[in-house]
Amino acid sequence: MKTTISTLLLAVTFTLSTQTLFKAQANTTHADLSKSDTSIRPFHINIPQSQLDELKRRISETRFPDKETVQDASQGIQLAQLKELITYWGNGYDWRKVENKLNALPQFVTKIDGLDIQFIHVRSKESNAMPVILTHGWPGSPLEFIDAIGPLTDPVKYGGKASDAFDVIIPAIPGYGFSEIPTELGWNPDRVARAWDVLMKRLGYKKYVSEGGDHGSVVSDALAKQAPSGLLGIHLTMPATIPAELVKPINAGDPAPAGLSVSEAQAYNAMSTFFGRNAAYGGMMVTRPQTTGYLLSDSPSALAAFLYEKIAEWSESNLHPENVIGRDAILDDITLYWLTNTGASSSRFYWENNKNNFSADAQKTKDIKVPVAISVFPHEIYQAPESWSKRAYPTLYYYHKAPKGGHFAAWEQPQVFTEELRAAFKDLRKKL
C-alpha cells in the first residue's frame, strides 16, 4: 500500500545544535508532543559552525600515547596510522559534504514509545516496490546504507529489473545518530524491534521485510520472533548460529572438537579468536558503558581510535578500510558519533542486550517462524556455516556466500549487498 508523503507530514524543519540536541528536543521543539503523537515530521541537519570549530580545536590538542612496541596491530590500531587519520580529520575533512548528502534525502522523525526516532525513507518510483527496513550496527550508523539506496530503489539504473525495486527505510537505533537518547532502562533489541514495526505500519506499509547486520541482525531476529502481522521475512548478514554445545569451549579458547566439517572448524576458530583476542571493546560496553562513554564523549581522537580499529579489523581491507569504504566516509561515521555525543548511549545498547549475539540458543532463533535468509560475507567476524544456519533457523530458505565484503556489507560493497537482497527476497515478493 502506498500513501503520499504530504499526507503524513507537518511542515516543520529542525535546525540541530548537537551540543544541546536532546535537551532541545525535550524542552522546546517536542515539548508539546505526547507519547500518543503519531505525526511524521521532516528532519533537516544543520550543525552549528561553532560545533565544528570546537571539534577541530579538540583534534588539534590531541595528546597521543607513545608508539606500540610491536610491528603489527596486535596491540591495537598503530600510532602512525591513527595519526594520519586524525591529521586529515582536523585539517582536510569537511562535514558539510555528508550533511548536504543526507539533506538531499527524505529524512523524518516520529515519536514511538516516548522517543523521537529519526529515519531516512526513500520510496521507489516502481509501484511494486518491496518495503525493507534496514538496521545498522556498531560502530556503524545509518550511513552504512547510503550508497545502497540508489541500487535498491532504482534497480534499472543499476543493472537490475524494475521488479527488483525496494522502498527503503533506514532508522537510527535510539541512542545512535539523530534518534533520541533513551533516559530509562529497557531499550533492548526487543523494544527496538517493536518500534520498527510501529514505524512501518505508521508509514502505511501493510507488508514488509527486515534486514540487518551486527545489532541489525539481532533486532531483525527479535522482530522475527515477535512475528507482527505483515512481516514477510528477514535477511541477516551476521546470524546467530553457534550451537549451544560449542559456546563454552569457544569462550574458553579450547581447540576445535573432532567431528566438525571444514567450514564448521573455520567458524569455530574464527569465533575463538574473536572472543579471545578481539572482543575487549564489547566487554567494556556490556559491563561499563557509562565509563566507556566518558572516554568517547571528551576526546574526539579517542572516539576515532575506538571506532576506527573495528572498522579496520572487520572490513575486507587488510586493516586499511579507507581503501574500501573511503576515508571521508569513515570520518562521516565517526563525526556523526561525535556531534551527537552518542558514545555512551550507543554503548548502553550492548549493556541492554548483554547476550551472545552469535549463539543460536541465546538468541532463541528456533522460535522464529517467518522465512529467514542469510548472506555470508567472506570477511565477516565469522562465516556462518550452512549446516549451523539450517540448525539454528528452521525456516531458513536462502543461504548464499557473497563473493566479497566484510562485516559492513552495504558500506563496503553496496552493489553486492543489493544483489544479495534482490535474490534473498525474490520469492517473498509474490506475498506483497
Protein backbone atom coordinates (compact mmCIF):
# COMPACT_ATOMS: atom_id res chain seq x y z
CA MET A 1 0.00 0.00 0.00
CA LYS A 2 1.33 3.46 -0.92
CA THR A 3 0.50 6.68 0.87
CA THR A 4 1.71 10.09 -0.19
CA ILE A 5 4.33 11.77 1.92
CA SER A 6 2.36 15.00 2.02
CA THR A 7 -0.49 13.41 3.90
CA LEU A 8 1.84 12.34 6.67
CA LEU A 9 4.00 15.38 7.24
CA LEU A 10 3.87 18.51 9.30
CA ALA A 11 5.59 21.50 7.75
CA VAL A 12 8.35 21.59 10.30
CA THR A 13 12.09 21.59 9.84
CA PHE A 14 14.73 21.30 12.50
CA THR A 15 17.98 23.15 12.88
CA LEU A 16 20.11 20.99 15.14
CA SER A 17 22.56 22.17 17.72
CA THR A 18 24.38 19.00 18.61
CA GLN A 19 25.61 20.19 21.97
CA THR A 20 22.04 20.74 23.15
CA LEU A 21 20.29 18.46 20.67
CA PHE A 22 18.38 16.22 23.01
CA LYS A 23 17.76 18.91 25.63
CA ALA A 24 16.19 20.98 22.87
CA GLN A 25 14.04 18.04 21.85
CA ALA A 26 12.81 17.61 25.40
CA ASN A 27 12.35 21.27 26.34
CA THR A 28 11.36 23.15 23.20
CA THR A 29 10.60 21.64 19.82
CA HIS A 30 8.97 18.49 21.13
CA ALA A 31 7.59 19.71 24.43
CA ASP A 32 4.01 19.55 23.16
CA LEU A 33 4.29 16.07 21.73
CA SER A 34 2.76 13.31 23.83
CA LYS A 35 3.53 9.62 23.59
CA SER A 36 0.36 9.25 21.55
CA ASP A 37 1.56 11.67 18.88
CA THR A 38 1.87 9.87 15.55
CA SER A 39 2.96 12.72 13.31
CA ILE A 40 5.84 12.25 10.90
CA ARG A 41 7.90 15.40 10.63
CA PRO A 42 10.58 16.43 8.14
CA PHE A 43 14.11 16.37 9.52
CA HIS A 44 16.92 18.66 8.38
CA ILE A 45 20.52 18.69 9.61
CA ASN A 46 22.31 21.98 10.14
CA ILE A 47 25.18 21.58 12.58
CA PRO A 48 26.24 24.96 14.01
CA GLN A 49 29.66 26.02 12.76
CA SER A 50 30.71 26.61 16.35
CA GLN A 51 30.41 22.88 17.00
CA LEU A 52 32.58 22.03 14.01
CA ASP A 53 35.14 24.64 15.07
CA GLU A 54 35.24 23.17 18.58
CA LEU A 55 35.80 19.70 17.11
CA LYS A 56 38.79 20.92 15.11
CA ARG A 57 40.18 22.63 18.20
CA ARG A 58 39.90 19.46 20.25
CA ILE A 59 41.53 17.45 17.48
CA SER A 60 44.44 19.89 17.34
CA GLU A 61 45.01 19.43 21.08
CA THR A 62 45.22 15.63 20.91
CA ARG A 63 47.84 14.10 23.17
CA PHE A 64 48.93 10.85 21.56
CA PRO A 65 50.47 7.96 23.52
CA ASP A 66 53.89 6.52 22.78
CA LYS A 67 54.34 4.14 19.87
CA GLU A 68 53.30 0.50 20.12
CA THR A 69 56.08 -1.97 20.92
CA VAL A 70 55.18 -4.44 18.16
CA GLN A 71 55.42 -4.27 14.38
CA ASP A 72 51.76 -5.05 13.73
CA ALA A 73 48.29 -4.16 15.02
CA SER A 74 48.20 -6.83 17.73
CA GLN A 75 48.25 -4.12 20.44
CA GLY A 76 45.58 -2.07 18.69
CA ILE A 77 45.49 0.42 15.86
CA GLN A 78 49.03 1.56 15.14
CA LEU A 79 50.07 5.08 16.09
CA ALA A 80 51.25 6.18 12.64
CA GLN A 81 48.02 5.01 11.01
CA LEU A 82 45.82 6.76 13.55
CA LYS A 83 47.87 9.96 13.40
CA GLU A 84 47.40 10.10 9.65
CA LEU A 85 43.63 9.77 10.05
CA ILE A 86 43.43 12.34 12.85
CA THR A 87 45.59 14.84 10.98
CA TYR A 88 43.31 14.68 7.96
CA TRP A 89 40.23 14.88 10.19
CA GLY A 90 41.47 18.13 11.70
CA ASN A 91 42.82 19.74 8.55
CA GLY A 92 41.17 18.32 5.44
CA TYR A 93 37.85 16.71 6.29
CA ASP A 94 34.58 18.57 5.56
CA TRP A 95 31.44 17.50 7.46
CA ARG A 96 29.23 19.72 5.30
CA LYS A 97 29.61 17.32 2.35
CA VAL A 98 27.85 14.46 4.10
CA GLU A 99 25.41 16.86 5.74
CA ASN A 100 24.36 18.06 2.29
CA LYS A 101 24.21 14.48 1.03
CA LEU A 102 21.89 13.50 3.87
CA ASN A 103 19.74 16.60 3.48
CA ALA A 104 19.21 15.67 -0.16
CA LEU A 105 17.46 12.51 1.06
CA PRO A 106 13.96 12.37 2.56
CA GLN A 107 14.61 12.38 6.32
CA PHE A 108 11.98 12.33 9.01
CA VAL A 109 11.39 11.98 12.72
CA THR A 110 8.46 10.45 14.57
CA LYS A 111 7.75 9.68 18.20
CA ILE A 112 7.44 5.99 19.07
CA ASP A 113 7.20 4.63 22.61
CA GLY A 114 8.15 8.01 24.04
CA LEU A 115 11.25 8.63 21.89
CA ASP A 116 11.83 10.52 18.67
CA ILE A 117 13.07 8.10 16.03
CA GLN A 118 14.96 9.66 13.11
CA PHE A 119 14.91 7.81 9.81
CA ILE A 120 15.53 8.03 6.09
CA HIS A 121 12.64 6.99 3.85
CA VAL A 122 13.17 6.71 0.11
CA ARG A 123 10.31 5.42 -2.00
CA SER A 124 10.99 3.77 -5.32
CA LYS A 125 9.28 5.07 -8.44
CA GLU A 126 8.28 1.47 -9.14
CA SER A 127 4.74 0.72 -7.99
CA ASN A 128 5.52 -2.85 -6.93
CA ALA A 129 8.47 -1.96 -4.70
CA MET A 130 9.03 -4.14 -1.63
CA PRO A 131 9.34 -2.17 1.63
CA VAL A 132 12.53 -3.05 3.53
CA ILE A 133 13.69 -1.68 6.86
CA LEU A 134 17.49 -1.69 7.17
CA THR A 135 19.04 -1.68 10.65
CA HIS A 136 22.63 -0.66 11.29
CA GLY A 137 25.04 -1.78 13.97
CA TRP A 138 28.09 -0.51 15.87
CA PRO A 139 30.48 1.14 15.09
CA GLY A 140 28.35 1.89 12.07
CA SER A 141 25.24 4.02 11.69
CA PRO A 142 22.54 4.64 9.09
CA LEU A 143 25.37 5.98 6.94
CA GLU A 144 26.32 2.35 6.23
CA PHE A 145 23.41 2.07 3.81
CA ILE A 146 23.59 5.40 1.96
CA ASP A 147 25.33 4.08 -1.15
CA ALA A 148 22.91 1.16 -1.39
CA ILE A 149 19.82 3.37 -1.55
CA GLY A 150 20.17 4.04 -5.28
CA PRO A 151 20.60 0.40 -6.35
CA LEU A 152 17.79 -0.72 -4.06
CA THR A 153 15.22 1.91 -5.04
CA ASP A 154 16.14 2.37 -8.71
CA PRO A 155 17.28 -1.09 -9.85
CA VAL A 156 17.01 -0.43 -13.59
CA LYS A 157 19.63 2.30 -13.30
CA TYR A 158 21.98 -0.12 -11.51
CA GLY A 159 21.70 -3.21 -13.68
CA GLY A 160 18.59 -4.77 -12.21
CA LYS A 161 14.96 -5.11 -13.20
CA ALA A 162 12.02 -2.95 -12.20
CA SER A 163 10.66 -5.94 -10.30
CA ASP A 164 13.74 -5.79 -8.03
CA ALA A 165 12.74 -2.43 -6.53
CA PHE A 166 12.58 -1.69 -2.81
CA ASP A 167 11.18 1.15 -0.75
CA VAL A 168 13.96 1.81 1.76
CA ILE A 169 13.52 2.79 5.40
CA ILE A 170 16.70 3.37 7.44
CA PRO A 171 16.09 4.29 11.10
CA ALA A 172 18.70 5.15 13.68
CA ILE A 173 18.54 2.94 16.76
CA PRO A 174 17.63 5.05 19.83
CA GLY A 175 20.89 6.38 21.26
CA TYR A 176 22.54 6.37 17.84
CA GLY A 177 22.77 9.11 15.25
CA PHE A 178 19.95 11.63 15.40
CA SER A 179 17.43 9.41 17.16
CA GLU A 180 16.66 10.44 20.71
CA ILE A 181 18.79 9.07 23.53
CA PRO A 182 16.89 6.81 25.97
CA THR A 183 16.87 8.05 29.56
CA GLU A 184 15.35 4.91 31.04
CA LEU A 185 16.13 1.22 31.08
CA GLY A 186 14.62 -1.21 28.62
CA TRP A 187 15.62 -0.08 25.14
CA ASN A 188 16.91 -3.50 24.15
CA PRO A 189 16.64 -5.24 20.74
CA ASP A 190 13.12 -6.48 21.52
CA ARG A 191 11.87 -2.97 22.20
CA VAL A 192 13.61 -1.57 19.15
CA ALA A 193 12.02 -4.30 17.03
CA ARG A 194 8.56 -3.38 18.31
CA ALA A 195 9.27 0.26 17.49
CA TRP A 196 10.32 -0.70 13.96
CA ASP A 197 7.01 -2.46 13.36
CA VAL A 198 5.15 0.62 14.59
CA LEU A 199 7.24 2.74 12.23
CA MET A 200 6.49 0.56 9.20
CA LYS A 201 2.76 0.49 9.97
CA ARG A 202 2.77 4.25 10.55
CA LEU A 203 4.32 4.75 7.11
CA GLY A 204 1.39 2.87 5.63
CA TYR A 205 3.07 -0.44 4.89
CA LYS A 206 0.91 -3.49 5.49
CA LYS A 207 3.66 -5.89 4.41
CA TYR A 208 7.43 -5.53 4.60
CA VAL A 209 10.76 -7.28 5.15
CA SER A 210 13.63 -6.56 7.54
CA GLU A 211 17.41 -6.65 7.02
CA GLY A 212 20.32 -6.19 9.37
CA GLY A 213 23.90 -6.91 10.30
CA ASP A 214 25.59 -6.60 13.70
CA HIS A 215 22.94 -5.03 16.00
CA GLY A 216 20.69 -5.04 12.97
CA SER A 217 20.78 -8.84 12.83
CA VAL A 218 19.82 -9.05 16.50
CA VAL A 219 16.97 -6.57 16.01
CA SER A 220 15.78 -8.44 12.91
CA ASP A 221 15.89 -11.71 14.87
CA ALA A 222 13.82 -10.10 17.62
CA LEU A 223 11.33 -8.78 15.09
CA ALA A 224 11.03 -12.22 13.52
CA LYS A 225 10.38 -13.83 16.91
CA GLN A 226 7.63 -11.28 17.55
CA ALA A 227 6.23 -12.05 14.07
CA PRO A 228 3.99 -8.99 13.77
CA SER A 229 1.35 -9.04 11.07
CA GLY A 230 2.83 -8.02 7.75
CA LEU A 231 6.42 -9.13 8.38
CA LEU A 232 7.16 -11.35 5.39
CA GLY A 233 10.71 -12.35 6.29
CA ILE A 234 14.17 -11.25 7.38
CA HIS A 235 17.66 -11.14 5.89
CA LEU A 236 20.78 -11.40 8.07
CA THR A 237 24.47 -10.86 7.43
CA MET A 238 25.57 -11.73 10.98
CA PRO A 239 23.29 -14.58 12.02
CA ALA A 240 23.31 -16.28 15.42
CA THR A 241 24.21 -19.85 14.51
CA ILE A 242 26.74 -21.15 17.05
CA PRO A 243 25.35 -24.41 18.50
CA ALA A 244 24.77 -24.45 22.26
CA GLU A 245 27.33 -27.20 22.90
CA LEU A 246 30.12 -25.13 21.32
CA VAL A 247 29.59 -21.83 23.14
CA LYS A 248 31.56 -22.74 26.28
CA PRO A 249 34.57 -24.31 24.52
CA ILE A 250 34.75 -21.34 22.14
CA ASN A 251 34.71 -18.89 25.04
CA ALA A 252 37.35 -20.97 26.84
CA GLY A 253 39.62 -20.98 23.81
CA ASP A 254 39.61 -24.77 23.57
CA PRO A 255 40.75 -26.40 20.31
CA ALA A 256 38.03 -27.23 17.83
CA PRO A 257 36.48 -30.58 18.75
CA ALA A 258 36.74 -33.55 16.43
CA GLY A 259 33.91 -34.19 14.05
CA LEU A 260 33.43 -30.66 12.74
CA SER A 261 33.37 -30.12 9.00
CA VAL A 262 35.96 -27.84 7.39
CA SER A 263 33.60 -24.86 7.34
CA GLU A 264 32.44 -25.55 10.91
CA ALA A 265 36.03 -25.75 12.17
CA GLN A 266 36.86 -22.49 10.41
CA ALA A 267 33.87 -20.79 12.03
CA TYR A 268 34.77 -22.27 15.42
CA ASN A 269 38.35 -20.99 15.19
CA ALA A 270 37.23 -17.56 13.98
CA MET A 271 34.91 -17.17 16.96
CA SER A 272 37.53 -18.48 19.38
CA THR A 273 39.98 -15.86 18.08
CA PHE A 274 37.33 -13.16 18.28
CA PHE A 275 36.40 -13.82 21.90
CA GLY A 276 39.99 -14.48 22.94
CA ARG A 277 41.72 -11.51 21.32
CA ASN A 278 39.33 -9.08 19.68
CA ALA A 279 36.27 -8.63 21.90
CA ALA A 280 37.62 -6.39 24.67
CA TYR A 281 35.64 -3.45 23.27
CA GLY A 282 32.43 -5.43 23.81
CA GLY A 283 33.38 -6.30 27.37
CA MET A 284 33.79 -2.61 28.11
CA MET A 285 30.43 -1.65 26.65
CA VAL A 286 28.50 -4.60 28.06
CA THR A 287 29.78 -4.10 31.61
CA ARG A 288 30.73 -0.40 31.89
CA PRO A 289 29.03 1.63 29.16
CA GLN A 290 28.98 4.80 31.23
CA THR A 291 32.71 4.68 31.95
CA THR A 292 33.35 3.97 28.28
CA GLY A 293 31.21 6.96 27.43
CA TYR A 294 33.40 9.38 29.36
CA LEU A 295 36.32 8.50 27.11
CA LEU A 296 34.30 8.73 23.92
CA SER A 297 32.50 11.96 24.82
CA ASP A 298 35.54 14.00 25.83
CA SER A 299 38.18 13.15 23.24
CA PRO A 300 37.42 13.01 19.52
CA SER A 301 40.71 11.21 18.90
CA ALA A 302 39.84 8.55 21.49
CA LEU A 303 36.46 8.12 19.82
CA ALA A 304 38.11 7.83 16.41
CA ALA A 305 40.59 5.22 17.63
CA PHE A 306 37.86 3.17 19.30
CA LEU A 307 35.64 3.10 16.22
CA TYR A 308 38.32 3.02 13.52
CA GLU A 309 40.02 -0.03 15.00
CA LYS A 310 36.90 -2.15 14.49
CA ILE A 311 36.11 -0.66 11.10
CA ALA A 312 39.63 -1.62 10.03
CA GLU A 313 39.53 -5.05 11.64
CA TRP A 314 36.10 -6.13 10.42
CA SER A 315 36.18 -4.79 6.86
CA GLU A 316 37.74 -6.70 3.98
CA SER A 317 40.56 -4.18 3.72
CA ASN A 318 43.74 -5.64 5.22
CA LEU A 319 43.35 -3.14 8.10
CA HIS A 320 43.12 -0.17 5.71
CA PRO A 321 39.37 0.46 5.42
CA GLU A 322 39.84 3.79 3.67
CA ASN A 323 40.81 1.75 0.59
CA VAL A 324 37.39 0.08 0.57
CA ILE A 325 34.94 2.37 2.36
CA GLY A 326 36.76 5.66 1.79
CA ARG A 327 38.47 7.91 4.31
CA ASP A 328 35.79 10.59 4.21
CA ALA A 329 33.00 8.04 4.63
CA ILE A 330 34.71 6.59 7.70
CA LEU A 331 35.12 10.06 9.18
CA ASP A 332 31.49 10.85 8.36
CA ASP A 333 30.51 8.00 10.65
CA ILE A 334 32.97 8.93 13.40
CA THR A 335 31.98 12.59 13.23
CA LEU A 336 28.30 11.64 13.49
CA TYR A 337 29.04 9.87 16.78
CA TRP A 338 30.96 12.92 18.00
CA LEU A 339 28.43 15.58 17.02
CA THR A 340 25.52 13.67 18.53
CA ASN A 341 27.54 12.73 21.65
CA THR A 342 26.35 9.14 21.43
CA GLY A 343 29.46 7.35 22.67
CA ALA A 344 27.82 6.40 25.96
CA SER A 345 24.29 5.84 24.67
CA SER A 346 25.46 3.58 21.84
CA SER A 347 27.50 1.60 24.37
CA ARG A 348 24.43 1.15 26.57
CA PHE A 349 22.75 -0.81 23.79
CA TYR A 350 25.35 -3.53 24.45
CA TRP A 351 24.51 -3.36 28.17
CA GLU A 352 20.79 -3.65 27.37
CA ASN A 353 21.36 -6.61 25.08
CA ASN A 354 24.02 -8.45 27.13
CA LYS A 355 23.61 -11.71 25.24
CA ASN A 356 25.91 -13.67 22.98
CA ASN A 357 24.88 -12.27 19.61
CA PHE A 358 26.37 -15.29 17.83
CA SER A 359 24.69 -18.00 19.93
CA ALA A 360 21.59 -19.62 18.47
CA ASP A 361 20.46 -20.64 21.95
CA ALA A 362 20.99 -17.18 23.50
CA GLN A 363 19.09 -15.51 20.67
CA LYS A 364 16.37 -18.22 20.67
CA THR A 365 16.48 -18.43 16.90
CA LYS A 366 14.42 -21.63 16.82
CA ASP A 367 11.43 -19.56 17.95
CA ILE A 368 11.44 -17.76 14.60
CA LYS A 369 8.57 -18.84 12.36
CA VAL A 370 8.90 -16.35 9.48
CA PRO A 371 11.18 -17.02 6.47
CA VAL A 372 14.88 -16.34 7.08
CA ALA A 373 17.57 -15.51 4.51
CA ILE A 374 21.30 -15.42 5.26
CA SER A 375 24.13 -13.94 3.21
CA VAL A 376 27.65 -14.81 4.35
CA PHE A 377 30.34 -12.27 3.50
CA PRO A 378 33.93 -13.56 3.33
CA HIS A 379 35.41 -11.16 5.90
CA GLU A 380 32.56 -11.22 8.42
CA ILE A 381 33.65 -11.82 12.03
CA TYR A 382 32.82 -15.44 11.33
CA GLN A 383 31.36 -17.15 8.29
CA ALA A 384 28.26 -18.95 9.47
CA PRO A 385 28.31 -22.49 8.05
CA GLU A 386 25.24 -23.59 6.16
CA SER A 387 24.88 -26.60 8.47
CA TRP A 388 24.77 -24.40 11.57
CA SER A 389 22.45 -21.94 9.83
CA LYS A 390 19.91 -24.64 8.97
CA ARG A 391 20.04 -25.96 12.52
CA ALA A 392 19.66 -22.51 14.10
CA TYR A 393 16.95 -21.22 11.77
CA PRO A 394 14.40 -23.94 10.90
CA THR A 395 12.69 -21.55 8.47
CA LEU A 396 15.89 -20.79 6.53
CA TYR A 397 15.02 -20.63 2.84
CA TYR A 398 18.01 -18.76 1.39
CA TYR A 399 21.71 -19.18 2.14
CA HIS A 400 24.44 -17.76 -0.04
CA LYS A 401 28.12 -16.91 0.21
CA ALA A 402 28.77 -13.44 -1.19
CA PRO A 403 31.89 -13.03 -3.35
CA LYS A 404 33.40 -10.13 -1.42
CA GLY A 405 32.84 -7.86 1.54
CA GLY A 406 33.10 -7.92 5.30
CA HIS A 407 31.14 -7.03 8.41
CA PHE A 408 29.93 -3.75 6.90
CA ALA A 409 28.39 -5.36 3.83
CA ALA A 410 26.38 -2.43 2.46
CA TRP A 411 29.09 0.10 3.36
CA GLU A 412 31.88 -1.88 1.72
CA GLN A 413 30.10 -3.45 -1.23
CA PRO A 414 26.74 -1.73 -1.84
CA GLN A 415 26.19 -3.42 -5.21
CA VAL A 416 26.93 -6.91 -3.87
CA PHE A 417 24.74 -6.19 -0.86
CA THR A 418 21.94 -5.07 -3.16
CA GLU A 419 22.22 -8.20 -5.28
CA GLU A 420 22.01 -10.33 -2.13
CA LEU A 421 18.80 -8.60 -1.04
CA ARG A 422 17.29 -8.95 -4.50
CA ALA A 423 17.97 -12.69 -4.53
CA ALA A 424 17.06 -13.25 -0.88
CA PHE A 425 13.65 -11.60 -1.06
CA LYS A 426 12.71 -12.54 -4.64
CA ASP A 427 10.39 -15.38 -3.66
CA LEU A 428 8.66 -13.29 -0.99
CA ARG A 429 7.55 -10.60 -3.43
CA LYS A 430 4.60 -12.74 -4.51
CA LYS A 431 3.20 -12.22 -0.98
CA LEU A 432 3.06 -8.42 -1.28
